[in-house]
Amino acid sequence: MKHKINVSGIQLYAFHGCLDEEAKIGGKYEVDVRIDTDFSAAAENDTLKDTIDYVQVHKIVAEEMAIRSKLIEHVGMRIVKRLKSEIKQDANYKVLITKLSPPINGDVRNVSIEIKS
């Protein structure tokens, strides 16, 4: 069976960006993680070991977002790599990082990147 697990709306304050000001004052971000997996055993047995632990997903996202990068593309790739290496499940991942109120010369609500593995 195919199932989806969504950990959505992870809100973080981070210091990513190419501008020096972004390194100093930071900005608000939102991260969504979608995991395509099979959690039939967990649904049947009611055991955490048979599914993906949302706490671990959140921890990986928060730790990687805390490491400054110029590009959110770079952060997104690090998140995907860690999810794949640390969560021992057969799964595919989609990570969406949204930078809220980016410092762009214009009125822009957000910018985002999406990585699928």
PDB file of N, CA and C in Angstrom:
ATOM      1  N   MET A   1       0.828  -1.193   0.000  1.00  0.00           N
ATOM      2  CA  MET A   1       0.000   0.000   0.000  1.00  0.00           C
ATOM      3  C   MET A   1       0.867   1.250   0.000  1.00  0.00           C
ATOM      4  N   LYS A   2       0.314   2.305  -0.501  1.00  0.00           N
ATOM      5  CA  LYS A   2       1.005   3.592  -0.489  1.00  0.00           C
ATOM      6  C   LYS A   2       0.270   4.535   0.447  1.00  0.00           C
ATOM      7  N   HIS A   3       1.018   5.188   1.307  1.00  0.00           N
ATOM      8  CA  HIS A   3       0.459   6.143   2.258  1.00  0.00           C
ATOM      9  C   HIS A   3       1.289   7.418   2.228  1.00  0.00           C
ATOM     10  N   LYS A   4       0.720   8.461   2.750  1.00  0.00           N
ATOM     11  CA  LYS A   4       1.423   9.750   2.856  1.00  0.00           C
ATOM     12  C   LYS A   4       1.396  10.216   4.307  1.00  0.00           C
ATOM     13  N   ILE A   5       2.520  10.717   4.747  1.00  0.00           N
ATOM     14  CA  ILE A   5       2.626  11.372   6.046  1.00  0.00           C
ATOM     15  C   ILE A   5       3.036  12.809   5.754  1.00  0.00           C
ATOM     16  N   ASN A   6       2.327  13.767   6.322  1.00  0.00           N
ATOM     17  CA  ASN A   6       2.640  15.177   6.141  1.00  0.00           C
ATOM     18  C   ASN A   6       2.981  15.809   7.481  1.00  0.00           C
ATOM     19  N   VAL A   7       4.131  16.447   7.533  1.00  0.00           N
ATOM     20  CA  VAL A   7       4.490  17.271   8.679  1.00  0.00           C
ATOM     21  C   VAL A   7       4.533  18.689   8.097  1.00  0.00           C
ATOM     22  N   SER A   8       3.468  19.433   8.343  1.00  0.00           N
ATOM     23  CA  SER A   8       3.255  20.699   7.644  1.00  0.00           C
ATOM     24  C   SER A   8       3.321  21.898   8.570  1.00  0.00           C
ATOM     25  N   GLY A   9       3.789  23.006   8.003  1.00  0.00           N
ATOM     26  CA  GLY A   9       3.771  24.267   8.737  1.00  0.00           C
ATOM     27  C   GLY A   9       4.787  24.359   9.856  1.00  0.00           C
ATOM     28  N   ILE A  10       5.948  23.742   9.679  1.00  0.00           N
ATOM     29  CA  ILE A  10       7.015  23.870  10.679  1.00  0.00           C
ATOM     30  C   ILE A  10       7.529  25.306  10.574  1.00  0.00           C
ATOM     31  N   GLN A  11       7.284  26.091  11.602  1.00  0.00           N
ATOM     32  CA  GLN A  11       7.654  27.503  11.577  1.00  0.00           C
ATOM     33  C   GLN A  11       8.961  27.725  12.319  1.00  0.00           C
ATOM     34  N   LEU A  12       9.883  28.396  11.624  1.00  0.00           N
ATOM     35  CA  LEU A  12      11.222  28.599  12.163  1.00  0.00           C
ATOM     36  C   LEU A  12      11.718  30.003  11.837  1.00  0.00           C
ATOM     37  N   TYR A  13      12.632  30.468  12.653  1.00  0.00           N
ATOM     38  CA  TYR A  13      13.339  31.715  12.375  1.00  0.00           C
ATOM     39  C   TYR A  13      14.764  31.306  12.032  1.00  0.00           C
ATOM     40  N   ALA A  14      15.257  31.752  10.874  1.00  0.00           N
ATOM     41  CA  ALA A  14      16.587  31.335  10.442  1.00  0.00           C
ATOM     42  C   ALA A  14      17.298  32.492   9.747  1.00  0.00           C
ATOM     43  N   PHE A  15      18.551  32.263   9.400  1.00  0.00           N
ATOM     44  CA  PHE A  15      19.419  33.328   8.900  1.00  0.00           C
ATOM     45  C   PHE A  15      19.987  33.009   7.511  1.00  0.00           C
ATOM     46  N   HIS A  16      19.138  32.531   6.618  1.00  0.00           N
ATOM     47  CA  HIS A  16      19.563  32.186   5.265  1.00  0.00           C
ATOM     48  C   HIS A  16      19.413  33.384   4.337  1.00  0.00           C
ATOM     49  N   GLY A  17      20.273  33.430   3.331  1.00  0.00           N
ATOM     50  CA  GLY A  17      20.168  34.471   2.324  1.00  0.00           C
ATOM     51  C   GLY A  17      21.528  34.955   1.885  1.00  0.00           C
ATOM     52  N   CYS A  18      21.550  35.579   0.733  1.00  0.00           N
ATOM     53  CA  CYS A  18      22.800  36.078   0.157  1.00  0.00           C
ATOM     54  C   CYS A  18      23.191  37.453   0.692  1.00  0.00           C
ATOM     55  N   LEU A  19      22.239  38.178   1.253  1.00  0.00           N
ATOM     56  CA  LEU A  19      22.522  39.521   1.754  1.00  0.00           C
ATOM     57  C   LEU A  19      23.109  39.477   3.167  1.00  0.00           C
ATOM     58  N   ASP A  20      24.033  40.385   3.453  1.00  0.00           N
ATOM     59  CA  ASP A  20      24.628  40.458   4.792  1.00  0.00           C
ATOM     60  C   ASP A  20      23.559  40.704   5.855  1.00  0.00           C
ATOM     61  N   GLU A  21      22.548  41.510   5.507  1.00  0.00           N
ATOM     62  CA  GLU A  21      21.478  41.815   6.472  1.00  0.00           C
ATOM     63  C   GLU A  21      20.721  40.553   6.887  1.00  0.00           C
ATOM     64  N   GLU A  22      20.554  39.618   5.960  1.00  0.00           N
ATOM     65  CA  GLU A  22      19.839  38.384   6.275  1.00  0.00           C
ATOM     66  C   GLU A  22      20.617  37.546   7.287  1.00  0.00           C
ATOM     67  N   ALA A  23      21.935  37.618   7.215  1.00  0.00           N
ATOM     68  CA  ALA A  23      22.766  36.894   8.174  1.00  0.00           C
ATOM     69  C   ALA A  23      22.657  37.501   9.561  1.00  0.00           C
ATOM     70  N   LYS A  24      22.382  38.789   9.620  1.00  0.00           N
ATOM     71  CA  LYS A  24      22.306  39.478  10.910  1.00  0.00           C
ATOM     72  C   LYS A  24      20.911  39.453  11.513  1.00  0.00           C
ATOM     73  N   ILE A  25      19.898  39.767  10.714  1.00  0.00           N
ATOM     74  CA  ILE A  25      18.550  39.898  11.284  1.00  0.00           C
ATOM     75  C   ILE A  25      17.662  38.684  11.044  1.00  0.00           C
ATOM     76  N   GLY A  26      17.990  37.843  10.076  1.00  0.00           N
ATOM     77  CA  GLY A  26      17.236  36.632   9.824  1.00  0.00           C
ATOM     78  C   GLY A  26      15.838  36.886   9.285  1.00  0.00           C
ATOM     79  N   GLY A  27      15.062  35.823   9.250  1.00  0.00           N
ATOM     80  CA  GLY A  27      13.703  35.925   8.744  1.00  0.00           C
ATOM     81  C   GLY A  27      12.889  34.694   9.091  1.00  0.00           C
ATOM     82  N   LYS A  28      11.611  34.770   8.792  1.00  0.00           N
ATOM     83  CA  LYS A  28      10.678  33.682   9.094  1.00  0.00           C
ATOM     84  C   LYS A  28      10.579  32.714   7.915  1.00  0.00           C
ATOM     85  N   TYR A  29      10.514  31.442   8.265  1.00  0.00           N
ATOM     86  CA  TYR A  29      10.418  30.367   7.278  1.00  0.00           C
ATOM     87  C   TYR A  29       9.339  29.388   7.700  1.00  0.00           C
ATOM     88  N   GLU A  30       8.828  28.683   6.710  1.00  0.00           N
ATOM     89  CA  GLU A  30       7.891  27.598   6.976  1.00  0.00           C
ATOM     90  C   GLU A  30       8.348  26.408   6.135  1.00  0.00           C
ATOM     91  N   VAL A  31       8.380  25.238   6.751  1.00  0.00           N
ATOM     92  CA  VAL A  31       8.830  24.033   6.064  1.00  0.00           C
ATOM     93  C   VAL A  31       7.731  22.978   6.139  1.00  0.00           C
ATOM     94  N   ASP A  32       7.476  22.354   4.998  1.00  0.00           N
ATOM     95  CA  ASP A  32       6.533  21.244   4.907  1.00  0.00           C
ATOM     96  C   ASP A  32       7.293  20.024   4.409  1.00  0.00           C
ATOM     97  N   VAL A  33       7.026  18.889   5.031  1.00  0.00           N
ATOM     98  CA  VAL A  33       7.646  17.637   4.618  1.00  0.00           C
ATOM     99  C   VAL A  33       6.531  16.639   4.308  1.00  0.00           C
ATOM    100  N   ARG A  34       6.563  16.088   3.104  1.00  0.00           N
ATOM    101  CA  ARG A  34       5.626  15.027   2.740  1.00  0.00           C
ATOM    102  C   ARG A  34       6.426  13.754   2.526  1.00  0.00           C
ATOM    103  N   ILE A  35       5.938  12.681   3.119  1.00  0.00           N
ATOM    104  CA  ILE A  35       6.637  11.408   3.041  1.00  0.00           C
ATOM    105  C   ILE A  35       5.687  10.389   2.427  1.00  0.00           C
ATOM    106  N   ASP A  36       6.104   9.791   1.319  1.00  0.00           N
ATOM    107  CA  ASP A  36       5.361   8.706   0.690  1.00  0.00           C
ATOM    108  C   ASP A  36       5.956   7.404   1.186  1.00  0.00           C
ATOM    109  N   THR A  37       5.151   6.609   1.861  1.00  0.00           N
ATOM    110  CA  THR A  37       5.650   5.399   2.498  1.00  0.00           C
ATOM    111  C   THR A  37       4.522   4.374   2.602  1.00  0.00           C
ATOM    112  N   ASP A  38       4.796   3.291   3.277  1.00  0.00           N
ATOM    113  CA  ASP A  38       3.785   2.278   3.571  1.00  0.00           C
ATOM    114  C   ASP A  38       3.773   2.093   5.089  1.00  0.00           C
ATOM    115  N   PHE A  39       2.722   2.571   5.738  1.00  0.00           N
ATOM    116  CA  PHE A  39       2.635   2.403   7.192  1.00  0.00           C
ATOM    117  C   PHE A  39       1.549   1.397   7.591  1.00  0.00           C
ATOM    118  N   SER A  40       1.342   0.404   6.746  1.00  0.00           N
ATOM    119  CA  SER A  40       0.339  -0.629   7.017  1.00  0.00           C
ATOM    120  C   SER A  40       0.601  -1.340   8.342  1.00  0.00           C
ATOM    121  N   ALA A  41       1.852  -1.685   8.597  1.00  0.00           N
ATOM    122  CA  ALA A  41       2.184  -2.395   9.842  1.00  0.00           C
ATOM    123  C   ALA A  41       1.864  -1.538  11.060  1.00  0.00           C
ATOM    124  N   ALA A  42       2.182  -0.252  11.002  1.00  0.00           N
ATOM    125  CA  ALA A  42       1.884   0.647  12.131  1.00  0.00           C
ATOM    126  C   ALA A  42       0.383   0.784  12.330  1.00  0.00           C
ATOM    127  N   ALA A  43      -0.347   0.883  11.248  1.00  0.00           N
ATOM    128  CA  ALA A  43      -1.800   1.001  11.354  1.00  0.00           C
ATOM    129  C   ALA A  43      -2.412  -0.259  11.959  1.00  0.00           C
ATOM    130  N   GLU A  44      -1.832  -1.379  11.641  1.00  0.00           N
ATOM    131  CA  GLU A  44      -2.329  -2.664  12.163  1.00  0.00           C
ATOM    132  C   GLU A  44      -1.895  -2.893  13.610  1.00  0.00           C
ATOM    133  N   ASN A  45      -0.619  -2.617  13.918  1.00  0.00           N
ATOM    134  CA  ASN A  45      -0.038  -2.967  15.216  1.00  0.00           C
ATOM    135  C   ASN A  45      -0.020  -1.835  16.234  1.00  0.00           C
ATOM    136  N   ASP A  46      -0.287  -0.612  15.786  1.00  0.00           N
ATOM    137  CA  ASP A  46      -0.271   0.557  16.675  1.00  0.00           C
ATOM    138  C   ASP A  46       1.083   0.734  17.355  1.00  0.00           C
ATOM    139  N   THR A  47       2.163   0.597  16.553  1.00  0.00           N
ATOM    140  CA  THR A  47       3.507   0.747  17.099  1.00  0.00           C
ATOM    141  C   THR A  47       4.289   1.797  16.314  1.00  0.00           C
ATOM    142  N   LEU A  48       4.968   2.663  17.040  1.00  0.00           N
ATOM    143  CA  LEU A  48       5.732   3.749  16.441  1.00  0.00           C
ATOM    144  C   LEU A  48       6.887   3.241  15.589  1.00  0.00           C
ATOM    145  N   LYS A  49       7.485   2.135  15.991  1.00  0.00           N
ATOM    146  CA  LYS A  49       8.642   1.626  15.258  1.00  0.00           C
ATOM    147  C   LYS A  49       8.296   1.211  13.828  1.00  0.00           C
ATOM    148  N   ASP A  50       7.012   1.040  13.541  1.00  0.00           N
ATOM    149  CA  ASP A  50       6.586   0.624  12.209  1.00  0.00           C
ATOM    150  C   ASP A  50       6.172   1.786  11.310  1.00  0.00           C
ATOM    151  N   THR A  51       6.445   2.997  11.759  1.00  0.00           N
ATOM    152  CA  THR A  51       6.126   4.166  10.940  1.00  0.00           C
ATOM    153  C   THR A  51       7.231   5.201  11.093  1.00  0.00           C
ATOM    154  N   ILE A  52       6.997   6.379  10.613  1.00  0.00           N
ATOM    155  CA  ILE A  52       7.976   7.463  10.691  1.00  0.00           C
ATOM    156  C   ILE A  52       7.604   8.374  11.853  1.00  0.00           C
ATOM    157  N   ASP A  53       8.568   8.633  12.707  1.00  0.00           N
ATOM    158  CA  ASP A  53       8.368   9.453  13.902  1.00  0.00           C
ATOM    159  C   ASP A  53       8.383  10.931  13.520  1.00  0.00           C
ATOM    160  N   TYR A  54       7.250  11.603  13.685  1.00  0.00           N
ATOM    161  CA  TYR A  54       7.132  13.022  13.329  1.00  0.00           C
ATOM    162  C   TYR A  54       8.107  13.881  14.126  1.00  0.00           C
ATOM    163  N   VAL A  55       8.399  13.472  15.350  1.00  0.00           N
ATOM    164  CA  VAL A  55       9.342  14.219  16.195  1.00  0.00           C
ATOM    165  C   VAL A  55      10.728  14.217  15.556  1.00  0.00           C
ATOM    166  N   GLN A  56      11.132  13.083  15.018  1.00  0.00           N
ATOM    167  CA  GLN A  56      12.433  12.986  14.359  1.00  0.00           C
ATOM    168  C   GLN A  56      12.472  13.850  13.100  1.00  0.00           C
ATOM    169  N   VAL A  57      11.385  13.870  12.345  1.00  0.00           N
ATOM    170  CA  VAL A  57      11.309  14.706  11.150  1.00  0.00           C
ATOM    171  C   VAL A  57      11.484  16.175  11.538  1.00  0.00           C
ATOM    172  N   HIS A  58      10.738  16.602  12.554  1.00  0.00           N
ATOM    173  CA  HIS A  58      10.826  17.995  13.015  1.00  0.00           C
ATOM    174  C   HIS A  58      12.238  18.329  13.486  1.00  0.00           C
ATOM    175  N   LYS A  59      12.859  17.429  14.207  1.00  0.00           N
ATOM    176  CA  LYS A  59      14.213  17.649  14.736  1.00  0.00           C
ATOM    177  C   LYS A  59      15.210  17.843  13.598  1.00  0.00           C
ATOM    178  N   ILE A  60      15.137  17.004  12.582  1.00  0.00           N
ATOM    179  CA  ILE A  60      16.056  17.117  11.441  1.00  0.00           C
ATOM    180  C   ILE A  60      15.860  18.459  10.742  1.00  0.00           C
ATOM    181  N   VAL A  61      14.609  18.831  10.501  1.00  0.00           N
ATOM    182  CA  VAL A  61      14.326  20.106   9.839  1.00  0.00           C
ATOM    183  C   VAL A  61      14.870  21.268  10.666  1.00  0.00           C
ATOM    184  N   ALA A  62      14.587  21.279  11.956  1.00  0.00           N
ATOM    185  CA  ALA A  62      15.024  22.384  12.822  1.00  0.00           C
ATOM    186  C   ALA A  62      16.548  22.477  12.875  1.00  0.00           C
ATOM    187  N   GLU A  63      17.226  21.345  12.976  1.00  0.00           N
ATOM    188  CA  GLU A  63      18.693  21.362  13.047  1.00  0.00           C
ATOM    189  C   GLU A  63      19.309  21.869  11.749  1.00  0.00           C
ATOM    190  N   GLU A  64      18.797  21.445  10.620  1.00  0.00           N
ATOM    191  CA  GLU A  64      19.350  21.892   9.342  1.00  0.00           C
ATOM    192  C   GLU A  64      19.019  23.355   9.064  1.00  0.00           C
ATOM    193  N   MET A  65      17.836  23.794   9.448  1.00  0.00           N
ATOM    194  CA  MET A  65      17.470  25.195   9.253  1.00  0.00           C
ATOM    195  C   MET A  65      18.307  26.113  10.137  1.00  0.00           C
ATOM    196  N   ALA A  66      18.859  25.591  11.219  1.00  0.00           N
ATOM    197  CA  ALA A  66      19.685  26.396  12.122  1.00  0.00           C
ATOM    198  C   ALA A  66      21.091  26.628  11.575  1.00  0.00           C
ATOM    199  N   ILE A  67      21.471  25.880  10.541  1.00  0.00           N
ATOM    200  CA  ILE A  67      22.788  26.042   9.922  1.00  0.00           C
ATOM    201  C   ILE A  67      22.653  27.029   8.766  1.00  0.00           C
ATOM    202  N   ARG A  68      23.322  28.154   8.885  1.00  0.00           N
ATOM    203  CA  ARG A  68      23.188  29.212   7.883  1.00  0.00           C
ATOM    204  C   ARG A  68      23.648  28.754   6.505  1.00  0.00           C
ATOM    205  N   SER A  69      22.857  29.105   5.513  1.00  0.00           N
ATOM    206  CA  SER A  69      23.213  28.903   4.104  1.00  0.00           C
ATOM    207  C   SER A  69      22.808  30.145   3.334  1.00  0.00           C
ATOM    208  N   LYS A  70      23.473  30.378   2.230  1.00  0.00           N
ATOM    209  CA  LYS A  70      23.074  31.484   1.369  1.00  0.00           C
ATOM    210  C   LYS A  70      21.774  31.157   0.646  1.00  0.00           C
ATOM    211  N   LEU A  71      21.605  29.892   0.276  1.00  0.00           N
ATOM    212  CA  LEU A  71      20.458  29.484  -0.530  1.00  0.00           C
ATOM    213  C   LEU A  71      19.575  28.478   0.200  1.00  0.00           C
ATOM    214  N   ILE A  72      18.260  28.676   0.114  1.00  0.00           N
ATOM    215  CA  ILE A  72      17.358  27.700   0.716  1.00  0.00           C
ATOM    216  C   ILE A  72      17.367  26.397  -0.094  1.00  0.00           C
ATOM    217  N   GLU A  73      17.816  26.459  -1.322  1.00  0.00           N
ATOM    218  CA  GLU A  73      17.987  25.246  -2.111  1.00  0.00           C
ATOM    219  C   GLU A  73      18.998  24.315  -1.434  1.00  0.00           C
ATOM    220  N   HIS A  74      20.046  24.918  -0.915  1.00  0.00           N
ATOM    221  CA  HIS A  74      21.091  24.154  -0.223  1.00  0.00           C
ATOM    222  C   HIS A  74      20.546  23.536   1.066  1.00  0.00           C
ATOM    223  N   VAL A  75      19.804  24.312   1.821  1.00  0.00           N
ATOM    224  CA  VAL A  75      19.208  23.811   3.073  1.00  0.00           C
ATOM    225  C   VAL A  75      18.256  22.660   2.761  1.00  0.00           C
ATOM    226  N   GLY A  76      17.437  22.842   1.743  1.00  0.00           N
ATOM    227  CA  GLY A  76      16.475  21.804   1.369  1.00  0.00           C
ATOM    228  C   GLY A  76      17.150  20.490   1.027  1.00  0.00           C
ATOM    229  N   MET A  77      18.253  20.555   0.289  1.00  0.00           N
ATOM    230  CA  MET A  77      18.969  19.337  -0.081  1.00  0.00           C
ATOM    231  C   MET A  77      19.568  18.663   1.154  1.00  0.00           C
ATOM    232  N   ARG A  78      20.080  19.452   2.082  1.00  0.00           N
ATOM    233  CA  ARG A  78      20.610  18.865   3.326  1.00  0.00           C
ATOM    234  C   ARG A  78      19.502  18.162   4.102  1.00  0.00           C
ATOM    235  N   ILE A  79      18.332  18.768   4.173  1.00  0.00           N
ATOM    236  CA  ILE A  79      17.207  18.158   4.888  1.00  0.00           C
ATOM    237  C   ILE A  79      16.847  16.820   4.250  1.00  0.00           C
ATOM    238  N   VAL A  80      16.714  16.794   2.932  1.00  0.00           N
ATOM    239  CA  VAL A  80      16.366  15.551   2.238  1.00  0.00           C
ATOM    240  C   VAL A  80      17.413  14.475   2.489  1.00  0.00           C
ATOM    241  N   LYS A  81      18.689  14.842   2.383  1.00  0.00           N
ATOM    242  CA  LYS A  81      19.762  13.859   2.601  1.00  0.00           C
ATOM    243  C   LYS A  81      19.702  13.273   4.005  1.00  0.00           C
ATOM    244  N   ARG A  82      19.459  14.120   5.007  1.00  0.00           N
ATOM    245  CA  ARG A  82      19.385  13.614   6.385  1.00  0.00           C
ATOM    246  C   ARG A  82      18.159  12.745   6.609  1.00  0.00           C
ATOM    247  N   LEU A  83      17.035  13.146   6.064  1.00  0.00           N
ATOM    248  CA  LEU A  83      15.828  12.322   6.189  1.00  0.00           C
ATOM    249  C   LEU A  83      16.088  10.935   5.619  1.00  0.00           C
ATOM    250  N   LYS A  84      16.688  10.888   4.440  1.00  0.00           N
ATOM    251  CA  LYS A  84      16.943   9.609   3.781  1.00  0.00           C
ATOM    252  C   LYS A  84      17.954   8.759   4.550  1.00  0.00           C
ATOM    253  N   SER A  85      18.954   9.399   5.161  1.00  0.00           N
ATOM    254  CA  SER A  85      19.987   8.623   5.846  1.00  0.00           C
ATOM    255  C   SER A  85      19.600   8.235   7.275  1.00  0.00           C
ATOM    256  N   GLU A  86      18.773   9.034   7.936  1.00  0.00           N
ATOM    257  CA  GLU A  86      18.475   8.775   9.349  1.00  0.00           C
ATOM    258  C   GLU A  86      17.152   8.066   9.596  1.00  0.00           C
ATOM    259  N   ILE A  87      16.229   8.164   8.678  1.00  0.00           N
ATOM    260  CA  ILE A  87      14.946   7.480   8.857  1.00  0.00           C
ATOM    261  C   ILE A  87      15.015   6.195   8.062  1.00  0.00           C
ATOM    262  N   LYS A  88      15.031   5.114   8.769  1.00  0.00           N
ATOM    263  CA  LYS A  88      15.241   3.806   8.149  1.00  0.00           C
ATOM    264  C   LYS A  88      13.914   3.203   7.691  1.00  0.00           C
ATOM    265  N   GLN A  89      13.307   3.847   6.730  1.00  0.00           N
ATOM    266  CA  GLN A  89      12.059   3.382   6.140  1.00  0.00           C
ATOM    267  C   GLN A  89      12.207   3.503   4.634  1.00  0.00           C
ATOM    268  N   ASP A  90      11.525   2.647   3.916  1.00  0.00           N
ATOM    269  CA  ASP A  90      11.450   2.799   2.466  1.00  0.00           C
ATOM    270  C   ASP A  90      10.464   3.918   2.196  1.00  0.00           C
ATOM    271  N   ALA A  91      10.979   5.070   1.784  1.00  0.00           N
ATOM    272  CA  ALA A  91      10.118   6.242   1.629  1.00  0.00           C
ATOM    273  C   ALA A  91      10.687   7.189   0.594  1.00  0.00           C
ATOM    274  N   ASN A  92       9.806   8.009   0.051  1.00  0.00           N
ATOM    275  CA  ASN A  92      10.188   9.132  -0.793  1.00  0.00           C
ATOM    276  C   ASN A  92       9.769  10.393  -0.072  1.00  0.00           C
ATOM    277  N   TYR A  93      10.558  11.450  -0.259  1.00  0.00           N
ATOM    278  CA  TYR A  93      10.353  12.680   0.488  1.00  0.00           C
ATOM    279  C   TYR A  93      10.119  13.863  -0.440  1.00  0.00           C
ATOM    280  N   LYS A  94       9.296  14.782   0.028  1.00  0.00           N
ATOM    281  CA  LYS A  94       9.148  16.078  -0.629  1.00  0.00           C
ATOM    282  C   LYS A  94       9.306  17.127   0.459  1.00  0.00           C
ATOM    283  N   VAL A  95      10.242  18.032   0.252  1.00  0.00           N
ATOM    284  CA  VAL A  95      10.500  19.109   1.209  1.00  0.00           C
ATOM    285  C   VAL A  95      10.206  20.428   0.509  1.00  0.00           C
ATOM    286  N   LEU A  96       9.362  21.228   1.135  1.00  0.00           N
ATOM    287  CA  LEU A  96       9.018  22.552   0.643  1.00  0.00           C
ATOM    288  C   LEU A  96       9.461  23.565   1.689  1.00  0.00           C
ATOM    289  N   ILE A  97      10.370  24.463   1.310  1.00  0.00           N
ATOM    290  CA  ILE A  97      10.822  25.525   2.209  1.00  0.00           C
ATOM    291  C   ILE A  97      10.289  26.842   1.660  1.00  0.00           C
ATOM    292  N   THR A  98       9.573  27.558   2.508  1.00  0.00           N
ATOM    293  CA  THR A  98       9.005  28.846   2.131  1.00  0.00           C
ATOM    294  C   THR A  98       9.648  29.935   2.966  1.00  0.00           C
ATOM    295  N   LYS A  99      10.196  30.923   2.281  1.00  0.00           N
ATOM    296  CA  LYS A  99      10.795  32.092   2.939  1.00  0.00           C
ATOM    297  C   LYS A  99       9.731  33.190   2.912  1.00  0.00           C
ATOM    298  N   LEU A 100       9.278  33.578   4.093  1.00  0.00           N
ATOM    299  CA  LEU A 100       8.215  34.561   4.204  1.00  0.00           C
ATOM    300  C   LEU A 100       8.790  35.975   4.135  1.00  0.00           C
ATOM    301  N   SER A 101       8.124  36.853   3.450  1.00  0.00           N
ATOM    302  CA  SER A 101       8.535  38.263   3.304  1.00  0.00           C
ATOM    303  C   SER A 101      10.001  38.407   2.916  1.00  0.00           C
ATOM    304  N   PRO A 102      10.411  37.839   1.788  1.00  0.00           N
ATOM    305  CA  PRO A 102      11.815  37.933   1.386  1.00  0.00           C
ATOM    306  C   PRO A 102      12.198  39.367   1.010  1.00  0.00           C
ATOM    307  N   PRO A 103      13.467  39.712   1.209  1.00  0.00           N
ATOM    308  CA  PRO A 103      13.907  41.066   0.875  1.00  0.00           C
ATOM    309  C   PRO A 103      14.131  41.217  -0.632  1.00  0.00           C
ATOM    310  N   ILE A 104      13.038  41.388  -1.327  1.00  0.00           N
ATOM    311  CA  ILE A 104      13.067  41.550  -2.782  1.00  0.00           C
ATOM    312  C   ILE A 104      12.571  42.957  -3.079  1.00  0.00           C
ATOM    313  N   ASN A 105      13.094  43.549  -4.101  1.00  0.00           N
ATOM    314  CA  ASN A 105      12.645  44.889  -4.480  1.00  0.00           C
ATOM    315  C   ASN A 105      11.242  44.812  -5.073  1.00  0.00           C
ATOM    316  N   GLY A 106      10.262  44.666  -4.204  1.00  0.00           N
ATOM    317  CA  GLY A 106       8.876  44.555  -4.634  1.00  0.00           C
ATOM    318  C   GLY A 106       8.047  43.930  -3.537  1.00  0.00           C
ATOM    319  N   ASP A 107       6.768  43.936  -3.727  1.00  0.00           N
ATOM    320  CA  ASP A 107       5.833  43.399  -2.742  1.00  0.00           C
ATOM    321  C   ASP A 107       5.614  41.918  -3.017  1.00  0.00           C
ATOM    322  N   VAL A 108       6.303  41.060  -2.261  1.00  0.00           N
ATOM    323  CA  VAL A 108       6.243  39.613  -2.449  1.00  0.00           C
ATOM    324  C   VAL A 108       5.946  38.964  -1.100  1.00  0.00           C
ATOM    325  N   ARG A 109       4.917  38.129  -1.063  1.00  0.00           N
ATOM    326  CA  ARG A 109       4.544  37.456   0.182  1.00  0.00           C
ATOM    327  C   ARG A 109       5.577  36.408   0.583  1.00  0.00           C
ATOM    328  N   ASN A 110       6.038  35.591  -0.395  1.00  0.00           N
ATOM    329  CA  ASN A 110       7.011  34.559  -0.078  1.00  0.00           C
ATOM    330  C   ASN A 110       7.665  34.031  -1.346  1.00  0.00           C
ATOM    331  N   VAL A 111       8.737  33.304  -1.130  1.00  0.00           N
ATOM    332  CA  VAL A 111       9.377  32.516  -2.183  1.00  0.00           C
ATOM    333  C   VAL A 111       9.574  31.118  -1.602  1.00  0.00           C
ATOM    334  N   SER A 112       9.615  30.124  -2.471  1.00  0.00           N
ATOM    335  CA  SER A 112       9.773  28.768  -1.944  1.00  0.00           C
ATOM    336  C   SER A 112      10.521  27.894  -2.932  1.00  0.00           C
ATOM    337  N   ILE A 113      11.054  26.824  -2.389  1.00  0.00           N
ATOM    338  CA  ILE A 113      11.684  25.774  -3.205  1.00  0.00           C
ATOM    339  C   ILE A 113      11.074  24.446  -2.788  1.00  0.00           C
ATOM    340  N   GLU A 114      11.075  23.508  -3.721  1.00  0.00           N
ATOM    341  CA  GLU A 114      10.542  22.179  -3.442  1.00  0.00           C
ATOM    342  C   GLU A 114      11.510  21.150  -3.993  1.00  0.00           C
ATOM    343  N   ILE A 115      11.818  20.169  -3.168  1.00  0.00           N
ATOM    344  CA  ILE A 115      12.719  19.091  -3.579  1.00  0.00           C
ATOM    345  C   ILE A 115      11.978  17.778  -3.349  1.00  0.00           C
ATOM    346  N   LYS A 116      11.970  16.929  -4.387  1.00  0.00           N
ATOM    347  CA  LYS A 116      11.387  15.597  -4.278  1.00  0.00           C
ATOM    348  C   LYS A 116      12.496  14.577  -4.450  1.00  0.00           C
ATOM    349  N   SER A 117      12.448  13.548  -3.619  1.00  0.00           N
ATOM    350  CA  SER A 117      13.448  12.487  -3.763  1.00  0.00           C
ATOM    351  C   SER A 117      12.782  11.166  -4.017  1.00  0.00           C
TER     352      SER A 117
END
